[in-house]
Amino acid sequence: AQTLTFPDSLIPLYIAFLAWDEFAATHMKDGLGGA
């Protein structure tokens, strides 16, 4: 959380990836998730 405030920190990008994973997981219909 503290690293969030570092200049040029990529923690915000990592959080976006976590959100992407959660979105994909909640919208999967056939396991691996199609397009």
PDB file of all heavy atoms in Angstrom:
ATOM      1  N   ALA A   1       0.821  -1.198   0.000  1.00  0.00           N
ATOM      2  CA  ALA A   1       0.000   0.000   0.000  1.00  0.00           C
ATOM      3  C   ALA A   1       0.862   1.258   0.000  1.00  0.00           C
ATOM      4  O   ALA A   1       0.565   2.235  -0.685  1.00  0.00           O
ATOM      5  CB  ALA A   1      -0.935  -0.011   1.210  1.00  0.00           C
ATOM      6  N   GLN A   2       1.937   1.231   0.768  1.00  0.00           N
ATOM      7  CA  GLN A   2       2.821   2.393   0.800  1.00  0.00           C
ATOM      8  C   GLN A   2       3.544   2.581  -0.530  1.00  0.00           C
ATOM      9  O   GLN A   2       3.825   3.702  -0.950  1.00  0.00           O
ATOM     10  CB  GLN A   2       3.835   2.236   1.940  1.00  0.00           C
ATOM     11  CG  GLN A   2       3.219   2.387   3.326  1.00  0.00           C
ATOM     12  CD  GLN A   2       4.212   2.100   4.437  1.00  0.00           C
ATOM     13  OE1 GLN A   2       5.200   1.385   4.245  1.00  0.00           O
ATOM     14  NE2 GLN A   2       3.956   2.651   5.612  1.00  0.00           N
ATOM     15  N   THR A   3       3.828   1.468  -1.203  1.00  0.00           N
ATOM     16  CA  THR A   3       4.514   1.546  -2.496  1.00  0.00           C
ATOM     17  C   THR A   3       3.637   2.216  -3.550  1.00  0.00           C
ATOM     18  O   THR A   3       4.134   2.688  -4.569  1.00  0.00           O
ATOM     19  CB  THR A   3       4.917   0.129  -2.960  1.00  0.00           C
ATOM     20  OG1 THR A   3       5.593  -0.544  -1.905  1.00  0.00           O
ATOM     21  CG2 THR A   3       5.839   0.185  -4.163  1.00  0.00           C
ATOM     22  N   LEU A   4       2.335   2.264  -3.294  1.00  0.00           N
ATOM     23  CA  LEU A   4       1.424   2.947  -4.205  1.00  0.00           C
ATOM     24  C   LEU A   4       1.847   4.387  -4.456  1.00  0.00           C
ATOM     25  O   LEU A   4       1.640   4.937  -5.542  1.00  0.00           O
ATOM     26  CB  LEU A   4       0.009   2.940  -3.617  1.00  0.00           C
ATOM     27  CG  LEU A   4      -0.931   1.786  -3.971  1.00  0.00           C
ATOM     28  CD1 LEU A   4      -2.178   1.852  -3.114  1.00  0.00           C
ATOM     29  CD2 LEU A   4      -1.295   1.817  -5.439  1.00  0.00           C
ATOM     30  N   THR A   5       2.432   5.013  -3.426  1.00  0.00           N
ATOM     31  CA  THR A   5       2.741   6.438  -3.522  1.00  0.00           C
ATOM     32  C   THR A   5       4.108   6.708  -4.136  1.00  0.00           C
ATOM     33  O   THR A   5       4.469   7.867  -4.343  1.00  0.00           O
ATOM     34  CB  THR A   5       2.699   7.068  -2.119  1.00  0.00           C
ATOM     35  OG1 THR A   5       3.703   6.453  -1.282  1.00  0.00           O
ATOM     36  CG2 THR A   5       1.335   6.869  -1.480  1.00  0.00           C
ATOM     37  N   PHE A   6       4.885   5.651  -4.433  1.00  0.00           N
ATOM     38  CA  PHE A   6       6.207   5.862  -5.014  1.00  0.00           C
ATOM     39  C   PHE A   6       6.078   6.476  -6.406  1.00  0.00           C
ATOM     40  O   PHE A   6       5.148   6.149  -7.148  1.00  0.00           O
ATOM     41  CB  PHE A   6       6.980   4.545  -5.121  1.00  0.00           C
ATOM     42  CG  PHE A   6       7.455   4.005  -3.799  1.00  0.00           C
ATOM     43  CD1 PHE A   6       7.146   4.630  -2.615  1.00  0.00           C
ATOM     44  CD2 PHE A   6       8.213   2.844  -3.753  1.00  0.00           C
ATOM     45  CE1 PHE A   6       7.577   4.120  -1.399  1.00  0.00           C
ATOM     46  CE2 PHE A   6       8.655   2.334  -2.552  1.00  0.00           C
ATOM     47  CZ  PHE A   6       8.324   2.969  -1.364  1.00  0.00           C
ATOM     48  N   PRO A   7       7.024   7.342  -6.781  1.00  0.00           N
ATOM     49  CA  PRO A   7       6.998   7.888  -8.148  1.00  0.00           C
ATOM     50  C   PRO A   7       7.137   6.752  -9.178  1.00  0.00           C
ATOM     51  O   PRO A   7       7.953   5.849  -9.006  1.00  0.00           O
ATOM     52  CB  PRO A   7       8.233   8.804  -8.182  1.00  0.00           C
ATOM     53  CG  PRO A   7       8.516   9.129  -6.748  1.00  0.00           C
ATOM     54  CD  PRO A   7       8.096   7.922  -5.966  1.00  0.00           C
ATOM     55  N   ASP A   8       6.325   6.802 -10.214  1.00  0.00           N
ATOM     56  CA  ASP A   8       6.348   5.791 -11.281  1.00  0.00           C
ATOM     57  C   ASP A   8       6.039   4.384 -10.777  1.00  0.00           C
ATOM     58  O   ASP A   8       6.437   3.396 -11.390  1.00  0.00           O
ATOM     59  CB  ASP A   8       7.699   5.791 -12.010  1.00  0.00           C
ATOM     60  CG  ASP A   8       7.966   7.092 -12.723  1.00  0.00           C
ATOM     61  OD1 ASP A   8       7.012   7.675 -13.262  1.00  0.00           O
ATOM     62  OD2 ASP A   8       9.133   7.522 -12.756  1.00  0.00           O
ATOM     63  N   SER A   9       5.348   4.277  -9.646  1.00  0.00           N
ATOM     64  CA  SER A   9       4.979   2.961  -9.134  1.00  0.00           C
ATOM     65  C   SER A   9       4.046   2.255 -10.105  1.00  0.00           C
ATOM     66  O   SER A   9       3.156   2.876 -10.701  1.00  0.00           O
ATOM     67  CB  SER A   9       4.292   3.092  -7.763  1.00  0.00           C
ATOM     68  OG  SER A   9       3.783   1.845  -7.331  1.00  0.00           O
ATOM     69  N   LEU A  10       4.248   0.946 -10.278  1.00  0.00           N
ATOM     70  CA  LEU A  10       3.375   0.150 -11.140  1.00  0.00           C
ATOM     71  C   LEU A  10       2.386  -0.682 -10.334  1.00  0.00           C
ATOM     72  O   LEU A  10       1.725  -1.566 -10.881  1.00  0.00           O
ATOM     73  CB  LEU A  10       4.217  -0.752 -12.044  1.00  0.00           C
ATOM     74  CG  LEU A  10       5.031  -0.042 -13.128  1.00  0.00           C
ATOM     75  CD1 LEU A  10       5.778  -1.046 -13.990  1.00  0.00           C
ATOM     76  CD2 LEU A  10       4.138   0.830 -14.000  1.00  0.00           C
ATOM     77  N   ILE A  11       2.272  -0.394  -9.033  1.00  0.00           N
ATOM     78  CA  ILE A  11       1.245  -1.065  -8.226  1.00  0.00           C
ATOM     79  C   ILE A  11      -0.153  -0.788  -8.790  1.00  0.00           C
ATOM     80  O   ILE A  11      -1.000  -1.688  -8.827  1.00  0.00           O
ATOM     81  CB  ILE A  11       1.339  -0.625  -6.749  1.00  0.00           C
ATOM     82  CG1 ILE A  11       2.692  -1.029  -6.146  1.00  0.00           C
ATOM     83  CG2 ILE A  11       0.214  -1.241  -5.930  1.00  0.00           C
ATOM     84  CD1 ILE A  11       2.889  -2.505  -5.970  1.00  0.00           C
ATOM     85  N   PRO A  12      -0.449   0.445  -9.257  1.00  0.00           N
ATOM     86  CA  PRO A  12      -1.771   0.659  -9.870  1.00  0.00           C
ATOM     87  C   PRO A  12      -2.040  -0.273 -11.048  1.00  0.00           C
ATOM     88  O   PRO A  12      -3.172  -0.737 -11.223  1.00  0.00           O
ATOM     89  CB  PRO A  12      -1.709   2.132 -10.323  1.00  0.00           C
ATOM     90  CG  PRO A  12      -0.771   2.780  -9.360  1.00  0.00           C
ATOM     91  CD  PRO A  12       0.277   1.728  -9.092  1.00  0.00           C
ATOM     92  N   LEU A  13      -1.016  -0.569 -11.840  1.00  0.00           N
ATOM     93  CA  LEU A  13      -1.190  -1.507 -12.948  1.00  0.00           C
ATOM     94  C   LEU A  13      -1.437  -2.912 -12.422  1.00  0.00           C
ATOM     95  O   LEU A  13      -2.272  -3.650 -12.960  1.00  0.00           O
ATOM     96  CB  LEU A  13       0.040  -1.486 -13.861  1.00  0.00           C
ATOM     97  CG  LEU A  13       0.060  -2.503 -15.008  1.00  0.00           C
ATOM     98  CD1 LEU A  13      -1.173  -2.369 -15.890  1.00  0.00           C
ATOM     99  CD2 LEU A  13       1.337  -2.344 -15.839  1.00  0.00           C
ATOM    100  N   TYR A  14      -0.724  -3.298 -11.370  1.00  0.00           N
ATOM    101  CA  TYR A  14      -0.928  -4.624 -10.785  1.00  0.00           C
ATOM    102  C   TYR A  14      -2.359  -4.758 -10.256  1.00  0.00           C
ATOM    103  O   TYR A  14      -3.005  -5.796 -10.432  1.00  0.00           O
ATOM    104  CB  TYR A  14       0.081  -4.864  -9.664  1.00  0.00           C
ATOM    105  CG  TYR A  14      -0.097  -6.187  -8.967  1.00  0.00           C
ATOM    106  CD1 TYR A  14       0.106  -7.387  -9.634  1.00  0.00           C
ATOM    107  CD2 TYR A  14      -0.484  -6.239  -7.627  1.00  0.00           C
ATOM    108  CE1 TYR A  14      -0.069  -8.606  -8.994  1.00  0.00           C
ATOM    109  CE2 TYR A  14      -0.655  -7.455  -6.977  1.00  0.00           C
ATOM    110  CZ  TYR A  14      -0.451  -8.627  -7.665  1.00  0.00           C
ATOM    111  OH  TYR A  14      -0.624  -9.825  -7.028  1.00  0.00           O
ATOM    112  N   ILE A  15      -2.861  -3.700  -9.622  1.00  0.00           N
ATOM    113  CA  ILE A  15      -4.237  -3.719  -9.117  1.00  0.00           C
ATOM    114  C   ILE A  15      -5.218  -3.865 -10.279  1.00  0.00           C
ATOM    115  O   ILE A  15      -6.213  -4.592 -10.184  1.00  0.00           O
ATOM    116  CB  ILE A  15      -4.514  -2.439  -8.308  1.00  0.00           C
ATOM    117  CG1 ILE A  15      -3.722  -2.482  -6.992  1.00  0.00           C
ATOM    118  CG2 ILE A  15      -6.001  -2.275  -8.022  1.00  0.00           C
ATOM    119  CD1 ILE A  15      -3.799  -1.202  -6.173  1.00  0.00           C
ATOM    120  N   ALA A  16      -4.941  -3.187 -11.394  1.00  0.00           N
ATOM    121  CA  ALA A  16      -5.805  -3.313 -12.574  1.00  0.00           C
ATOM    122  C   ALA A  16      -5.796  -4.746 -13.104  1.00  0.00           C
ATOM    123  O   ALA A  16      -6.838  -5.267 -13.545  1.00  0.00           O
ATOM    124  CB  ALA A  16      -5.352  -2.337 -13.656  1.00  0.00           C
ATOM    125  N   PHE A  17      -4.634  -5.416 -13.060  1.00  0.00           N
ATOM    126  CA  PHE A  17      -4.562  -6.817 -13.478  1.00  0.00           C
ATOM    127  C   PHE A  17      -5.387  -7.710 -12.546  1.00  0.00           C
ATOM    128  O   PHE A  17      -6.063  -8.648 -12.994  1.00  0.00           O
ATOM    129  CB  PHE A  17      -3.110  -7.289 -13.501  1.00  0.00           C
ATOM    130  CG  PHE A  17      -2.438  -7.132 -14.837  1.00  0.00           C
ATOM    131  CD1 PHE A  17      -1.315  -6.336 -14.973  1.00  0.00           C
ATOM    132  CD2 PHE A  17      -2.922  -7.780 -15.956  1.00  0.00           C
ATOM    133  CE1 PHE A  17      -0.683  -6.190 -16.204  1.00  0.00           C
ATOM    134  CE2 PHE A  17      -2.306  -7.645 -17.200  1.00  0.00           C
ATOM    135  CZ  PHE A  17      -1.184  -6.838 -17.315  1.00  0.00           C
ATOM    136  N   LEU A  18      -5.314  -7.438 -11.224  1.00  0.00           N
ATOM    137  CA  LEU A  18      -6.117  -8.214 -10.277  1.00  0.00           C
ATOM    138  C   LEU A  18      -7.603  -8.037 -10.579  1.00  0.00           C
ATOM    139  O   LEU A  18      -8.379  -9.004 -10.535  1.00  0.00           O
ATOM    140  CB  LEU A  18      -5.820  -7.766  -8.843  1.00  0.00           C
ATOM    141  CG  LEU A  18      -4.428  -8.054  -8.287  1.00  0.00           C
ATOM    142  CD1 LEU A  18      -4.309  -7.526  -6.861  1.00  0.00           C
ATOM    143  CD2 LEU A  18      -4.129  -9.546  -8.312  1.00  0.00           C
ATOM    144  N   ALA A  19      -7.993  -6.797 -10.879  1.00  0.00           N
ATOM    145  CA  ALA A  19      -9.393  -6.533 -11.218  1.00  0.00           C
ATOM    146  C   ALA A  19      -9.779  -7.264 -12.501  1.00  0.00           C
ATOM    147  O   ALA A  19     -10.895  -7.797 -12.613  1.00  0.00           O
ATOM    148  CB  ALA A  19      -9.602  -5.022 -11.372  1.00  0.00           C
ATOM    149  N   TRP A  20      -8.872  -7.276 -13.474  1.00  0.00           N
ATOM    150  CA  TRP A  20      -9.132  -7.993 -14.737  1.00  0.00           C
ATOM    151  C   TRP A  20      -9.373  -9.472 -14.449  1.00  0.00           C
ATOM    152  O   TRP A  20     -10.297 -10.084 -14.997  1.00  0.00           O
ATOM    153  CB  TRP A  20      -7.945  -7.814 -15.668  1.00  0.00           C
ATOM    154  CG  TRP A  20      -8.185  -8.195 -17.102  1.00  0.00           C
ATOM    155  CD1 TRP A  20      -8.501  -7.364 -18.128  1.00  0.00           C
ATOM    156  CD2 TRP A  20      -8.122  -9.515 -17.668  1.00  0.00           C
ATOM    157  NE1 TRP A  20      -8.644  -8.072 -19.309  1.00  0.00           N
ATOM    158  CE2 TRP A  20      -8.415  -9.402 -19.054  1.00  0.00           C
ATOM    159  CE3 TRP A  20      -7.855 -10.778 -17.149  1.00  0.00           C
ATOM    160  CZ2 TRP A  20      -8.439 -10.502 -19.905  1.00  0.00           C
ATOM    161  CZ3 TRP A  20      -7.888 -11.881 -18.005  1.00  0.00           C
ATOM    162  CH2 TRP A  20      -8.173 -11.729 -19.363  1.00  0.00           C
ATOM    163  N   ASP A  21      -8.534 -10.064 -13.594  1.00  0.00           N
ATOM    164  CA  ASP A  21      -8.700 -11.480 -13.246  1.00  0.00           C
ATOM    165  C   ASP A  21     -10.049 -11.726 -12.592  1.00  0.00           C
ATOM    166  O   ASP A  21     -10.732 -12.721 -12.881  1.00  0.00           O
ATOM    167  CB  ASP A  21      -7.581 -11.915 -12.285  1.00  0.00           C
ATOM    168  CG  ASP A  21      -6.329 -12.360 -13.019  1.00  0.00           C
ATOM    169  OD1 ASP A  21      -6.405 -12.565 -14.240  1.00  0.00           O
ATOM    170  OD2 ASP A  21      -5.278 -12.501 -12.380  1.00  0.00           O
ATOM    171  N   GLU A  22     -10.433 -10.818 -11.693  1.00  0.00           N
ATOM    172  CA  GLU A  22     -11.714 -11.013 -11.000  1.00  0.00           C
ATOM    173  C   GLU A  22     -12.891 -10.870 -11.968  1.00  0.00           C
ATOM    174  O   GLU A  22     -13.851 -11.636 -11.912  1.00  0.00           O
ATOM    175  CB  GLU A  22     -11.848 -10.009  -9.853  1.00  0.00           C
ATOM    176  CG  GLU A  22     -13.110 -10.246  -9.030  1.00  0.00           C
ATOM    177  CD  GLU A  22     -13.150  -9.403  -7.766  1.00  0.00           C
ATOM    178  OE1 GLU A  22     -12.074  -9.061  -7.248  1.00  0.00           O
ATOM    179  OE2 GLU A  22     -14.268  -9.097  -7.320  1.00  0.00           O
ATOM    180  N   PHE A  23     -12.794  -9.884 -12.848  1.00  0.00           N
ATOM    181  CA  PHE A  23     -13.850  -9.713 -13.851  1.00  0.00           C
ATOM    182  C   PHE A  23     -13.960 -10.976 -14.705  1.00  0.00           C
ATOM    183  O   PHE A  23     -15.066 -11.494 -14.936  1.00  0.00           O
ATOM    184  CB  PHE A  23     -13.522  -8.502 -14.734  1.00  0.00           C
ATOM    185  CG  PHE A  23     -14.556  -8.191 -15.770  1.00  0.00           C
ATOM    186  CD1 PHE A  23     -15.431  -7.127 -15.601  1.00  0.00           C
ATOM    187  CD2 PHE A  23     -14.673  -8.954 -16.938  1.00  0.00           C
ATOM    188  CE1 PHE A  23     -16.392  -6.830 -16.567  1.00  0.00           C
ATOM    189  CE2 PHE A  23     -15.612  -8.671 -17.899  1.00  0.00           C
ATOM    190  CZ  PHE A  23     -16.497  -7.609 -17.715  1.00  0.00           C
ATOM    191  N   ALA A  24     -12.827 -11.462 -15.210  1.00  0.00           N
ATOM    192  CA  ALA A  24     -12.843 -12.652 -16.068  1.00  0.00           C
ATOM    193  C   ALA A  24     -13.396 -13.857 -15.317  1.00  0.00           C
ATOM    194  O   ALA A  24     -14.148 -14.662 -15.875  1.00  0.00           O
ATOM    195  CB  ALA A  24     -11.436 -12.940 -16.579  1.00  0.00           C
ATOM    196  N   ALA A  25     -13.027 -13.981 -14.030  1.00  0.00           N
ATOM    197  CA  ALA A  25     -13.482 -15.136 -13.250  1.00  0.00           C
ATOM    198  C   ALA A  25     -14.988 -15.113 -13.050  1.00  0.00           C
ATOM    199  O   ALA A  25     -15.647 -16.156 -13.094  1.00  0.00           O
ATOM    200  CB  ALA A  25     -12.776 -15.152 -11.899  1.00  0.00           C
ATOM    201  N   THR A  26     -15.557 -13.923 -12.851  1.00  0.00           N
ATOM    202  CA  THR A  26     -16.999 -13.830 -12.603  1.00  0.00           C
ATOM    203  C   THR A  26     -17.827 -13.901 -13.876  1.00  0.00           C
ATOM    204  O   THR A  26     -19.045 -14.035 -13.821  1.00  0.00           O
ATOM    205  CB  THR A  26     -17.330 -12.505 -11.876  1.00  0.00           C
ATOM    206  OG1 THR A  26     -16.804 -11.411 -12.639  1.00  0.00           O
ATOM    207  CG2 THR A  26     -16.730 -12.495 -10.489  1.00  0.00           C
ATOM    208  N   HIS A  27     -17.168 -13.810 -15.039  1.00  0.00           N
ATOM    209  CA  HIS A  27     -17.897 -13.853 -16.310  1.00  0.00           C
ATOM    210  C   HIS A  27     -17.597 -15.114 -17.116  1.00  0.00           C
ATOM    211  O   HIS A  27     -17.993 -15.229 -18.267  1.00  0.00           O
ATOM    212  CB  HIS A  27     -17.565 -12.626 -17.163  1.00  0.00           C
ATOM    213  CG  HIS A  27     -18.145 -11.367 -16.628  1.00  0.00           C
ATOM    214  ND1 HIS A  27     -17.654 -10.748 -15.499  1.00  0.00           N
ATOM    215  CD2 HIS A  27     -19.194 -10.609 -17.053  1.00  0.00           C
ATOM    216  CE1 HIS A  27     -18.360  -9.649 -15.254  1.00  0.00           C
ATOM    217  NE2 HIS A  27     -19.298  -9.541 -16.177  1.00  0.00           N
ATOM    218  N   MET A  28     -16.881 -16.062 -16.543  1.00  0.00           N
ATOM    219  CA  MET A  28     -16.564 -17.282 -17.278  1.00  0.00           C
ATOM    220  C   MET A  28     -17.774 -18.192 -17.345  1.00  0.00           C
ATOM    221  O   MET A  28     -18.476 -18.378 -16.361  1.00  0.00           O
ATOM    222  CB  MET A  28     -15.405 -18.023 -16.608  1.00  0.00           C
ATOM    223  CG  MET A  28     -14.043 -17.411 -16.909  1.00  0.00           C
ATOM    224  SD  MET A  28     -12.712 -18.394 -16.188  1.00  0.00           S
ATOM    225  CE  MET A  28     -11.295 -17.432 -16.696  1.00  0.00           C
ATOM    226  N   LYS A  29     -17.975 -18.767 -18.524  1.00  0.00           N
ATOM    227  CA  LYS A  29     -19.091 -19.695 -18.716  1.00  0.00           C
ATOM    228  C   LYS A  29     -18.606 -21.107 -19.017  1.00  0.00           C
ATOM    229  O   LYS A  29     -19.285 -22.077 -18.745  1.00  0.00           O
ATOM    230  CB  LYS A  29     -19.978 -19.211 -19.868  1.00  0.00           C
ATOM    231  CG  LYS A  29     -20.613 -17.850 -19.619  1.00  0.00           C
ATOM    232  CD  LYS A  29     -21.362 -17.372 -20.844  1.00  0.00           C
ATOM    233  CE  LYS A  29     -21.945 -15.978 -20.641  1.00  0.00           C
ATOM    234  NZ  LYS A  29     -22.605 -15.473 -21.868  1.00  0.00           N
ATOM    235  N   ASP A  30     -17.402 -21.199 -19.627  1.00  0.00           N
ATOM    236  CA  ASP A  30     -16.937 -22.519 -20.053  1.00  0.00           C
ATOM    237  C   ASP A  30     -15.537 -22.813 -19.528  1.00  0.00           C
ATOM    238  O   ASP A  30     -14.756 -23.490 -20.163  1.00  0.00           O
ATOM    239  CB  ASP A  30     -16.940 -22.617 -21.573  1.00  0.00           C
ATOM    240  CG  ASP A  30     -16.099 -21.512 -22.225  1.00  0.00           C
ATOM    241  OD1 ASP A  30     -15.565 -20.672 -21.482  1.00  0.00           O
ATOM    242  OD2 ASP A  30     -15.972 -21.523 -23.461  1.00  0.00           O
ATOM    243  N   GLY A  31     -15.226 -22.275 -18.352  1.00  0.00           N
ATOM    244  CA  GLY A  31     -13.955 -22.631 -17.730  1.00  0.00           C
ATOM    245  C   GLY A  31     -12.837 -21.683 -18.050  1.00  0.00           C
ATOM    246  O   GLY A  31     -12.506 -20.812 -17.278  1.00  0.00           O
ATOM    247  N   LEU A  32     -12.231 -21.833 -19.204  1.00  0.00           N
ATOM    248  CA  LEU A  32     -11.082 -21.005 -19.539  1.00  0.00           C
ATOM    249  C   LEU A  32     -11.479 -19.610 -19.972  1.00  0.00           C
ATOM    250  O   LEU A  32     -10.670 -18.702 -19.958  1.00  0.00           O
ATOM    251  CB  LEU A  32     -10.251 -21.663 -20.647  1.00  0.00           C
ATOM    252  CG  LEU A  32      -9.399 -22.830 -20.192  1.00  0.00           C
ATOM    253  CD1 LEU A  32      -8.706 -23.445 -21.390  1.00  0.00           C
ATOM    254  CD2 LEU A  32      -8.375 -22.384 -19.181  1.00  0.00           C
ATOM    255  N   GLY A  33     -12.693 -19.416 -20.350  1.00  0.00           N
ATOM    256  CA  GLY A  33     -13.137 -18.079 -20.736  1.00  0.00           C
ATOM    257  C   GLY A  33     -12.792 -17.760 -22.166  1.00  0.00           C
ATOM    258  O   GLY A  33     -11.652 -17.581 -22.517  1.00  0.00           O
ATOM    259  N   GLY A  34     -13.784 -17.683 -23.000  1.00  0.00           N
ATOM    260  CA  GLY A  34     -13.545 -17.294 -24.379  1.00  0.00           C
ATOM    261  C   GLY A  34     -13.496 -15.787 -24.504  1.00  0.00           C
ATOM    262  O   GLY A  34     -13.524 -15.058 -23.521  1.00  0.00           O
ATOM    263  N   ALA A  35     -13.473 -15.304 -25.750  1.00  0.00           N
ATOM    264  CA  ALA A  35     -13.337 -13.869 -25.968  1.00  0.00           C
ATOM    265  C   ALA A  35     -14.507 -13.102 -25.377  1.00  0.00           C
ATOM    266  O   ALA A  35     -14.380 -11.942 -25.020  1.00  0.00           O
ATOM    267  CB  ALA A  35     -13.212 -13.587 -27.451  1.00  0.00           C
TER     268      ALA A  35
END
